[in-house]
Amino acid sequence: MPLANPRLDVRDLRLVLAIEATGSTTAAAPLLHLTQPAVSRAVLALEDKLGAQLFERTPQGLSATERGQRLLVGARRLLAELSALE
């Protein structure tokens, strides 16, 4: 069951951006310094936390759903702002 007000952290944002950039959990894993199973578990946990599917799974890889696209837009913006503050 999703949380009423799920809290995202920077790791969640970097996770979805890495998957979007690479199209797979396998290719995203080295970028995140994680194993492929850890990335898969993390994306499933995030989808459960948000109560929405963020990525379509196909034989060609992962692609963002409409909800995933909205999260990606926000993730890019927030990480750009964080980078500017650093």
PDB file of N, CA and C in Angstrom:
ATOM      1  N   MET A   1       0.836  -1.185   0.000  1.00  0.00           N
ATOM      2  CA  MET A   1       0.000   0.000   0.000  1.00  0.00           C
ATOM      3  C   MET A   1       0.876   1.242   0.000  1.00  0.00           C
ATOM      4  N   PRO A   2       0.643   2.192  -0.915  1.00  0.00           N
ATOM      5  CA  PRO A   2       1.479   3.394  -0.972  1.00  0.00           C
ATOM      6  C   PRO A   2       1.250   4.294   0.235  1.00  0.00           C
ATOM      7  N   LEU A   3       2.263   5.041   0.581  1.00  0.00           N
ATOM      8  CA  LEU A   3       2.156   6.007   1.670  1.00  0.00           C
ATOM      9  C   LEU A   3       1.323   7.201   1.226  1.00  0.00           C
ATOM     10  N   ALA A   4       0.652   7.831   2.189  1.00  0.00           N
ATOM     11  CA  ALA A   4      -0.156   9.009   1.863  1.00  0.00           C
ATOM     12  C   ALA A   4       0.718  10.130   1.313  1.00  0.00           C
ATOM     13  N   ASN A   5       1.857  10.356   1.936  1.00  0.00           N
ATOM     14  CA  ASN A   5       2.812  11.374   1.494  1.00  0.00           C
ATOM     15  C   ASN A   5       4.184  10.738   1.414  1.00  0.00           C
ATOM     16  N   PRO A   6       4.429   9.998   0.338  1.00  0.00           N
ATOM     17  CA  PRO A   6       5.732   9.325   0.249  1.00  0.00           C
ATOM     18  C   PRO A   6       6.862  10.333   0.161  1.00  0.00           C
ATOM     19  N   ARG A   7       7.959  10.003   0.811  1.00  0.00           N
ATOM     20  CA  ARG A   7       9.132  10.876   0.787  1.00  0.00           C
ATOM     21  C   ARG A   7      10.168  10.281  -0.147  1.00  0.00           C
ATOM     22  N   LEU A   8      10.579  11.095  -1.080  1.00  0.00           N
ATOM     23  CA  LEU A   8      11.628  10.696  -1.996  1.00  0.00           C
ATOM     24  C   LEU A   8      12.944  11.265  -1.500  1.00  0.00           C
ATOM     25  N   ASP A   9      14.016  10.558  -1.785  1.00  0.00           N
ATOM     26  CA  ASP A   9      15.321  11.115  -1.456  1.00  0.00           C
ATOM     27  C   ASP A   9      16.161  11.203  -2.729  1.00  0.00           C
ATOM     28  N   VAL A  10      17.334  11.759  -2.600  1.00  0.00           N
ATOM     29  CA  VAL A  10      18.206  11.975  -3.754  1.00  0.00           C
ATOM     30  C   VAL A  10      18.538  10.655  -4.440  1.00  0.00           C
ATOM     31  N   ARG A  11      18.695   9.582  -3.671  1.00  0.00           N
ATOM     32  CA  ARG A  11      18.982   8.267  -4.272  1.00  0.00           C
ATOM     33  C   ARG A  11      17.851   7.830  -5.188  1.00  0.00           C
ATOM     34  N   ASP A  12      16.601   8.074  -4.774  1.00  0.00           N
ATOM     35  CA  ASP A  12      15.453   7.734  -5.620  1.00  0.00           C
ATOM     36  C   ASP A  12      15.516   8.493  -6.942  1.00  0.00           C
ATOM     37  N   LEU A  13      15.835   9.772  -6.867  1.00  0.00           N
ATOM     38  CA  LEU A  13      15.889  10.606  -8.070  1.00  0.00           C
ATOM     39  C   LEU A  13      17.012  10.152  -8.998  1.00  0.00           C
ATOM     40  N   ARG A  14      18.172   9.864  -8.426  1.00  0.00           N
ATOM     41  CA  ARG A  14      19.294   9.389  -9.240  1.00  0.00           C
ATOM     42  C   ARG A  14      18.994   8.020  -9.854  1.00  0.00           C
ATOM     43  N   LEU A  15      18.274   7.193  -9.124  1.00  0.00           N
ATOM     44  CA  LEU A  15      17.885   5.873  -9.621  1.00  0.00           C
ATOM     45  C   LEU A  15      17.048   5.986 -10.885  1.00  0.00           C
ATOM     46  N   VAL A  16      15.982   6.783 -10.837  1.00  0.00           N
ATOM     47  CA  VAL A  16      15.108   6.872 -12.013  1.00  0.00           C
ATOM     48  C   VAL A  16      15.818   7.530 -13.188  1.00  0.00           C
ATOM     49  N   LEU A  17      16.683   8.496 -12.922  1.00  0.00           N
ATOM     50  CA  LEU A  17      17.416   9.139 -14.008  1.00  0.00           C
ATOM     51  C   LEU A  17      18.417   8.177 -14.656  1.00  0.00           C
ATOM     52  N   ALA A  18      19.075   7.358 -13.854  1.00  0.00           N
ATOM     53  CA  ALA A  18      20.032   6.399 -14.411  1.00  0.00           C
ATOM     54  C   ALA A  18      19.312   5.344 -15.252  1.00  0.00           C
ATOM     55  N   ILE A  19      18.167   4.887 -14.791  1.00  0.00           N
ATOM     56  CA  ILE A  19      17.412   3.898 -15.559  1.00  0.00           C
ATOM     57  C   ILE A  19      16.906   4.513 -16.854  1.00  0.00           C
ATOM     58  N   GLU A  20      16.430   5.728 -16.782  1.00  0.00           N
ATOM     59  CA  GLU A  20      15.943   6.395 -17.992  1.00  0.00           C
ATOM     60  C   GLU A  20      17.088   6.604 -18.990  1.00  0.00           C
ATOM     61  N   ALA A  21      18.250   6.982 -18.494  1.00  0.00           N
ATOM     62  CA  ALA A  21      19.388   7.261 -19.364  1.00  0.00           C
ATOM     63  C   ALA A  21      19.917   6.005 -20.048  1.00  0.00           C
ATOM     64  N   THR A  22      19.850   4.885 -19.356  1.00  0.00           N
ATOM     65  CA  THR A  22      20.438   3.655 -19.886  1.00  0.00           C
ATOM     66  C   THR A  22      19.412   2.696 -20.469  1.00  0.00           C
ATOM     67  N   GLY A  23      18.186   2.794 -20.017  1.00  0.00           N
ATOM     68  CA  GLY A  23      17.138   1.906 -20.519  1.00  0.00           C
ATOM     69  C   GLY A  23      17.096   0.542 -19.869  1.00  0.00           C
ATOM     70  N   SER A  24      17.936   0.329 -18.851  1.00  0.00           N
ATOM     71  CA  SER A  24      17.905  -0.970 -18.172  1.00  0.00           C
ATOM     72  C   SER A  24      18.496  -0.872 -16.773  1.00  0.00           C
ATOM     73  N   THR A  25      18.084  -1.814 -15.929  1.00  0.00           N
ATOM     74  CA  THR A  25      18.659  -1.869 -14.589  1.00  0.00           C
ATOM     75  C   THR A  25      20.097  -2.366 -14.645  1.00  0.00           C
ATOM     76  N   THR A  26      20.397  -3.229 -15.608  1.00  0.00           N
ATOM     77  CA  THR A  26      21.755  -3.768 -15.745  1.00  0.00           C
ATOM     78  C   THR A  26      22.748  -2.662 -16.081  1.00  0.00           C
ATOM     79  N   ALA A  27      22.394  -1.820 -17.037  1.00  0.00           N
ATOM     80  CA  ALA A  27      23.288  -0.733 -17.438  1.00  0.00           C
ATOM     81  C   ALA A  27      23.325   0.384 -16.388  1.00  0.00           C
ATOM     82  N   ALA A  28      22.235   0.564 -15.654  1.00  0.00           N
ATOM     83  CA  ALA A  28      22.188   1.607 -14.631  1.00  0.00           C
ATOM     84  C   ALA A  28      23.003   1.228 -13.395  1.00  0.00           C
ATOM     85  N   ALA A  29      23.120  -0.055 -13.129  1.00  0.00           N
ATOM     86  CA  ALA A  29      23.787  -0.515 -11.904  1.00  0.00           C
ATOM     87  C   ALA A  29      25.184   0.059 -11.707  1.00  0.00           C
ATOM     88  N   PRO A  30      26.080  -0.010 -12.702  1.00  0.00           N
ATOM     89  CA  PRO A  30      27.427   0.550 -12.472  1.00  0.00           C
ATOM     90  C   PRO A  30      27.416   2.056 -12.242  1.00  0.00           C
ATOM     91  N   LEU A  31      26.493   2.759 -12.883  1.00  0.00           N
ATOM     92  CA  LEU A  31      26.400   4.207 -12.675  1.00  0.00           C
ATOM     93  C   LEU A  31      26.030   4.543 -11.238  1.00  0.00           C
ATOM     94  N   LEU A  32      25.259   3.647 -10.619  1.00  0.00           N
ATOM     95  CA  LEU A  32      24.772   3.860  -9.256  1.00  0.00           C
ATOM     96  C   LEU A  32      25.639   3.163  -8.210  1.00  0.00           C
ATOM     97  N   HIS A  33      26.682   2.469  -8.678  1.00  0.00           N
ATOM     98  CA  HIS A  33      27.565   1.704  -7.787  1.00  0.00           C
ATOM     99  C   HIS A  33      26.780   0.656  -7.013  1.00  0.00           C
ATOM    100  N   LEU A  34      25.860  -0.009  -7.727  1.00  0.00           N
ATOM    101  CA  LEU A  34      25.033  -1.062  -7.155  1.00  0.00           C
ATOM    102  C   LEU A  34      25.075  -2.275  -8.078  1.00  0.00           C
ATOM    103  N   THR A  35      24.533  -3.377  -7.588  1.00  0.00           N
ATOM    104  CA  THR A  35      24.375  -4.549  -8.445  1.00  0.00           C
ATOM    105  C   THR A  35      23.041  -4.442  -9.159  1.00  0.00           C
ATOM    106  N   GLN A  36      22.890  -5.198 -10.248  1.00  0.00           N
ATOM    107  CA  GLN A  36      21.632  -5.179 -10.982  1.00  0.00           C
ATOM    108  C   GLN A  36      20.450  -5.605 -10.100  1.00  0.00           C
ATOM    109  N   PRO A  37      20.582  -6.682  -9.297  1.00  0.00           N
ATOM    110  CA  PRO A  37      19.441  -7.041  -8.443  1.00  0.00           C
ATOM    111  C   PRO A  37      19.075  -5.935  -7.455  1.00  0.00           C
ATOM    112  N   ALA A  38      20.074  -5.213  -6.950  1.00  0.00           N
ATOM    113  CA  ALA A  38      19.784  -4.114  -6.018  1.00  0.00           C
ATOM    114  C   ALA A  38      19.031  -2.989  -6.717  1.00  0.00           C
ATOM    115  N   VAL A  39      19.387  -2.695  -7.959  1.00  0.00           N
ATOM    116  CA  VAL A  39      18.681  -1.659  -8.718  1.00  0.00           C
ATOM    117  C   VAL A  39      17.244  -2.102  -8.987  1.00  0.00           C
ATOM    118  N   SER A  40      17.063  -3.351  -9.371  1.00  0.00           N
ATOM    119  CA  SER A  40      15.709  -3.862  -9.620  1.00  0.00           C
ATOM    120  C   SER A  40      14.856  -3.790  -8.368  1.00  0.00           C
ATOM    121  N   ARG A  41      15.417  -4.199  -7.242  1.00  0.00           N
ATOM    122  CA  ARG A  41      14.675  -4.116  -5.976  1.00  0.00           C
ATOM    123  C   ARG A  41      14.346  -2.674  -5.620  1.00  0.00           C
ATOM    124  N   ALA A  42      15.296  -1.777  -5.853  1.00  0.00           N
ATOM    125  CA  ALA A  42      15.082  -0.369  -5.509  1.00  0.00           C
ATOM    126  C   ALA A  42      13.963   0.250  -6.346  1.00  0.00           C
ATOM    127  N   VAL A  43      13.924  -0.054  -7.640  1.00  0.00           N
ATOM    128  CA  VAL A  43      12.872   0.525  -8.480  1.00  0.00           C
ATOM    129  C   VAL A  43      11.518  -0.066  -8.114  1.00  0.00           C
ATOM    130  N   LEU A  44      11.466  -1.357  -7.801  1.00  0.00           N
ATOM    131  CA  LEU A  44      10.204  -1.959  -7.367  1.00  0.00           C
ATOM    132  C   LEU A  44       9.737  -1.360  -6.041  1.00  0.00           C
ATOM    133  N   ALA A  45      10.674  -1.129  -5.124  1.00  0.00           N
ATOM    134  CA  ALA A  45      10.329  -0.515  -3.838  1.00  0.00           C
ATOM    135  C   ALA A  45       9.829   0.912  -4.036  1.00  0.00           C
ATOM    136  N   LEU A  46      10.460   1.645  -4.948  1.00  0.00           N
ATOM    137  CA  LEU A  46      10.026   3.017  -5.224  1.00  0.00           C
ATOM    138  C   LEU A  46       8.631   3.026  -5.834  1.00  0.00           C
ATOM    139  N   GLU A  47       8.392   2.123  -6.775  1.00  0.00           N
ATOM    140  CA  GLU A  47       7.056   2.038  -7.375  1.00  0.00           C
ATOM    141  C   GLU A  47       6.016   1.682  -6.325  1.00  0.00           C
ATOM    142  N   ASP A  48       6.367   0.791  -5.409  1.00  0.00           N
ATOM    143  CA  ASP A  48       5.453   0.432  -4.324  1.00  0.00           C
ATOM    144  C   ASP A  48       5.206   1.626  -3.412  1.00  0.00           C
ATOM    145  N   LYS A  49       6.267   2.355  -3.095  1.00  0.00           N
ATOM    146  CA  LYS A  49       6.150   3.528  -2.217  1.00  0.00           C
ATOM    147  C   LYS A  49       5.240   4.581  -2.845  1.00  0.00           C
ATOM    148  N   LEU A  50       5.362   4.774  -4.154  1.00  0.00           N
ATOM    149  CA  LEU A  50       4.570   5.790  -4.847  1.00  0.00           C
ATOM    150  C   LEU A  50       3.201   5.271  -5.288  1.00  0.00           C
ATOM    151  N   GLY A  51       3.035   3.962  -5.265  1.00  0.00           N
ATOM    152  CA  GLY A  51       1.772   3.378  -5.682  1.00  0.00           C
ATOM    153  C   GLY A  51       1.509   3.526  -7.168  1.00  0.00           C
ATOM    154  N   ALA A  52       2.585   3.530  -7.958  1.00  0.00           N
ATOM    155  CA  ALA A  52       2.436   3.716  -9.405  1.00  0.00           C
ATOM    156  C   ALA A  52       3.593   3.036 -10.117  1.00  0.00           C
ATOM    157  N   GLN A  53       3.297   2.501 -11.295  1.00  0.00           N
ATOM    158  CA  GLN A  53       4.349   1.932 -12.128  1.00  0.00           C
ATOM    159  C   GLN A  53       5.072   3.082 -12.813  1.00  0.00           C
ATOM    160  N   LEU A  54       6.383   3.124 -12.663  1.00  0.00           N
ATOM    161  CA  LEU A  54       7.188   4.201 -13.237  1.00  0.00           C
ATOM    162  C   LEU A  54       7.798   3.817 -14.575  1.00  0.00           C
ATOM    163  N   PHE A  55       8.003   2.514 -14.793  1.00  0.00           N
ATOM    164  CA  PHE A  55       8.637   2.041 -16.010  1.00  0.00           C
ATOM    165  C   PHE A  55       7.869   0.874 -16.609  1.00  0.00           C
ATOM    166  N   GLU A  56       7.747   0.900 -17.926  1.00  0.00           N
ATOM    167  CA  GLU A  56       7.223  -0.238 -18.673  1.00  0.00           C
ATOM    168  C   GLU A  56       8.378  -1.201 -18.876  1.00  0.00           C
ATOM    169  N   ARG A  57       8.131  -2.487 -18.642  1.00  0.00           N
ATOM    170  CA  ARG A  57       9.161  -3.496 -18.851  1.00  0.00           C
ATOM    171  C   ARG A  57       8.877  -4.206 -20.175  1.00  0.00           C
ATOM    172  N   THR A  58       9.840  -4.148 -21.080  1.00  0.00           N
ATOM    173  CA  THR A  58       9.702  -4.801 -22.382  1.00  0.00           C
ATOM    174  C   THR A  58      10.981  -5.577 -22.665  1.00  0.00           C
ATOM    175  N   PRO A  59      10.967  -6.455 -23.661  1.00  0.00           N
ATOM    176  CA  PRO A  59      12.203  -7.151 -24.018  1.00  0.00           C
ATOM    177  C   PRO A  59      13.320  -6.191 -24.442  1.00  0.00           C
ATOM    178  N   GLN A  60      12.960  -5.001 -24.914  1.00  0.00           N
ATOM    179  CA  GLN A  60      13.964  -4.022 -25.325  1.00  0.00           C
ATOM    180  C   GLN A  60      14.509  -3.219 -24.147  1.00  0.00           C
ATOM    181  N   GLY A  61      13.923  -3.335 -22.984  1.00  0.00           N
ATOM    182  CA  GLY A  61      14.389  -2.607 -21.813  1.00  0.00           C
ATOM    183  C   GLY A  61      13.265  -1.897 -21.094  1.00  0.00           C
ATOM    184  N   LEU A  62      13.618  -0.876 -20.366  1.00  0.00           N
ATOM    185  CA  LEU A  62      12.657  -0.111 -19.583  1.00  0.00           C
ATOM    186  C   LEU A  62      12.415   1.247 -20.223  1.00  0.00           C
ATOM    187  N   SER A  63      11.168   1.675 -20.207  1.00  0.00           N
ATOM    188  CA  SER A  63      10.844   3.028 -20.661  1.00  0.00           C
ATOM    189  C   SER A  63       9.846   3.615 -19.676  1.00  0.00           C
ATOM    190  N   ALA A  64       9.942   4.897 -19.454  1.00  0.00           N
ATOM    191  CA  ALA A  64       9.123   5.564 -18.450  1.00  0.00           C
ATOM    192  C   ALA A  64       7.652   5.597 -18.864  1.00  0.00           C
ATOM    193  N   THR A  65       6.797   5.338 -17.888  1.00  0.00           N
ATOM    194  CA  THR A  65       5.362   5.504 -18.065  1.00  0.00           C
ATOM    195  C   THR A  65       5.047   7.001 -17.980  1.00  0.00           C
ATOM    196  N   GLU A  66       3.807   7.359 -18.134  1.00  0.00           N
ATOM    197  CA  GLU A  66       3.425   8.774 -18.000  1.00  0.00           C
ATOM    198  C   GLU A  66       3.777   9.287 -16.608  1.00  0.00           C
ATOM    199  N   ARG A  67       3.480   8.507 -15.597  1.00  0.00           N
ATOM    200  CA  ARG A  67       3.816   8.900 -14.218  1.00  0.00           C
ATOM    201  C   ARG A  67       5.341   8.979 -14.052  1.00  0.00           C
ATOM    202  N   GLY A  68       6.035   8.034 -14.656  1.00  0.00           N
ATOM    203  CA  GLY A  68       7.492   8.048 -14.606  1.00  0.00           C
ATOM    204  C   GLY A  68       8.068   9.279 -15.276  1.00  0.00           C
ATOM    205  N   GLN A  69       7.478   9.690 -16.396  1.00  0.00           N
ATOM    206  CA  GLN A  69       7.941  10.895 -17.097  1.00  0.00           C
ATOM    207  C   GLN A  69       7.796  12.124 -16.208  1.00  0.00           C
ATOM    208  N   ARG A  70       6.675  12.206 -15.492  1.00  0.00           N
ATOM    209  CA  ARG A  70       6.482  13.351 -14.591  1.00  0.00           C
ATOM    210  C   ARG A  70       7.528  13.356 -13.476  1.00  0.00           C
ATOM    211  N   LEU A  71       7.822  12.164 -12.956  1.00  0.00           N
ATOM    212  CA  LEU A  71       8.847  12.076 -11.919  1.00  0.00           C
ATOM    213  C   LEU A  71      10.213  12.461 -12.476  1.00  0.00           C
ATOM    214  N   LEU A  72      10.517  12.031 -13.680  1.00  0.00           N
ATOM    215  CA  LEU A  72      11.802  12.363 -14.297  1.00  0.00           C
ATOM    216  C   LEU A  72      11.977  13.863 -14.481  1.00  0.00           C
ATOM    217  N   VAL A  73      10.934  14.557 -14.893  1.00  0.00           N
ATOM    218  CA  VAL A  73      11.003  16.017 -15.062  1.00  0.00           C
ATOM    219  C   VAL A  73      11.351  16.666 -13.729  1.00  0.00           C
ATOM    220  N   GLY A  74      10.653  16.261 -12.682  1.00  0.00           N
ATOM    221  CA  GLY A  74      10.930  16.813 -11.359  1.00  0.00           C
ATOM    222  C   GLY A  74      12.306  16.440 -10.846  1.00  0.00           C
ATOM    223  N   ALA A  75      12.721  15.206 -11.104  1.00  0.00           N
ATOM    224  CA  ALA A  75      14.040  14.750 -10.650  1.00  0.00           C
ATOM    225  C   ALA A  75      15.150  15.561 -11.305  1.00  0.00           C
ATOM    226  N   ARG A  76      15.024  15.792 -12.604  1.00  0.00           N
ATOM    227  CA  ARG A  76      16.047  16.600 -13.301  1.00  0.00           C
ATOM    228  C   ARG A  76      16.128  18.005 -12.702  1.00  0.00           C
ATOM    229  N   ARG A  77      14.980  18.598 -12.480  1.00  0.00           N
ATOM    230  CA  ARG A  77      14.931  19.954 -11.939  1.00  0.00           C
ATOM    231  C   ARG A  77      15.540  20.004 -10.537  1.00  0.00           C
ATOM    232  N   LEU A  78      15.122  19.085  -9.677  1.00  0.00           N
ATOM    233  CA  LEU A  78      15.609  19.103  -8.302  1.00  0.00           C
ATOM    234  C   LEU A  78      17.105  18.816  -8.207  1.00  0.00           C
ATOM    235  N   LEU A  79      17.593  17.864  -9.002  1.00  0.00           N
ATOM    236  CA  LEU A  79      19.016  17.572  -8.945  1.00  0.00           C
ATOM    237  C   LEU A  79      19.850  18.704  -9.537  1.00  0.00           C
ATOM    238  N   ALA A  80      19.296  19.416 -10.531  1.00  0.00           N
ATOM    239  CA  ALA A  80      20.001  20.590 -11.074  1.00  0.00           C
ATOM    240  C   ALA A  80      20.080  21.683 -10.010  1.00  0.00           C
ATOM    241  N   GLU A  81      18.996  21.885  -9.274  1.00  0.00           N
ATOM    242  CA  GLU A  81      18.998  22.895  -8.205  1.00  0.00           C
ATOM    243  C   GLU A  81      19.963  22.503  -7.097  1.00  0.00           C
ATOM    244  N   LEU A  82      19.988  21.228  -6.732  1.00  0.00           N
ATOM    245  CA  LEU A  82      20.908  20.745  -5.708  1.00  0.00           C
ATOM    246  C   LEU A  82      22.355  20.950  -6.144  1.00  0.00           C
ATOM    247  N   SER A  83      22.626  20.649  -7.399  1.00  0.00           N
ATOM    248  CA  SER A  83      23.979  20.832  -7.929  1.00  0.00           C
ATOM    249  C   SER A  83      24.388  22.302  -7.894  1.00  0.00           C
ATOM    250  N   ALA A  84      23.455  23.192  -8.209  1.00  0.00           N
ATOM    251  CA  ALA A  84      23.746  24.629  -8.175  1.00  0.00           C
ATOM    252  C   ALA A  84      24.047  25.096  -6.751  1.00  0.00           C
ATOM    253  N   LEU A  85      23.387  24.514  -5.776  1.00  0.00           N
ATOM    254  CA  LEU A  85      23.634  24.884  -4.377  1.00  0.00           C
ATOM    255  C   LEU A  85      24.990  24.394  -3.893  1.00  0.00           C
ATOM    256  N   GLU A  86      25.405  23.256  -4.426  1.00  0.00           N
ATOM    257  CA  GLU A  86      26.700  22.698  -3.992  1.00  0.00           C
ATOM    258  C   GLU A  86      27.827  23.521  -4.559  1.00  0.00           C
TER     259      GLU A  86
END
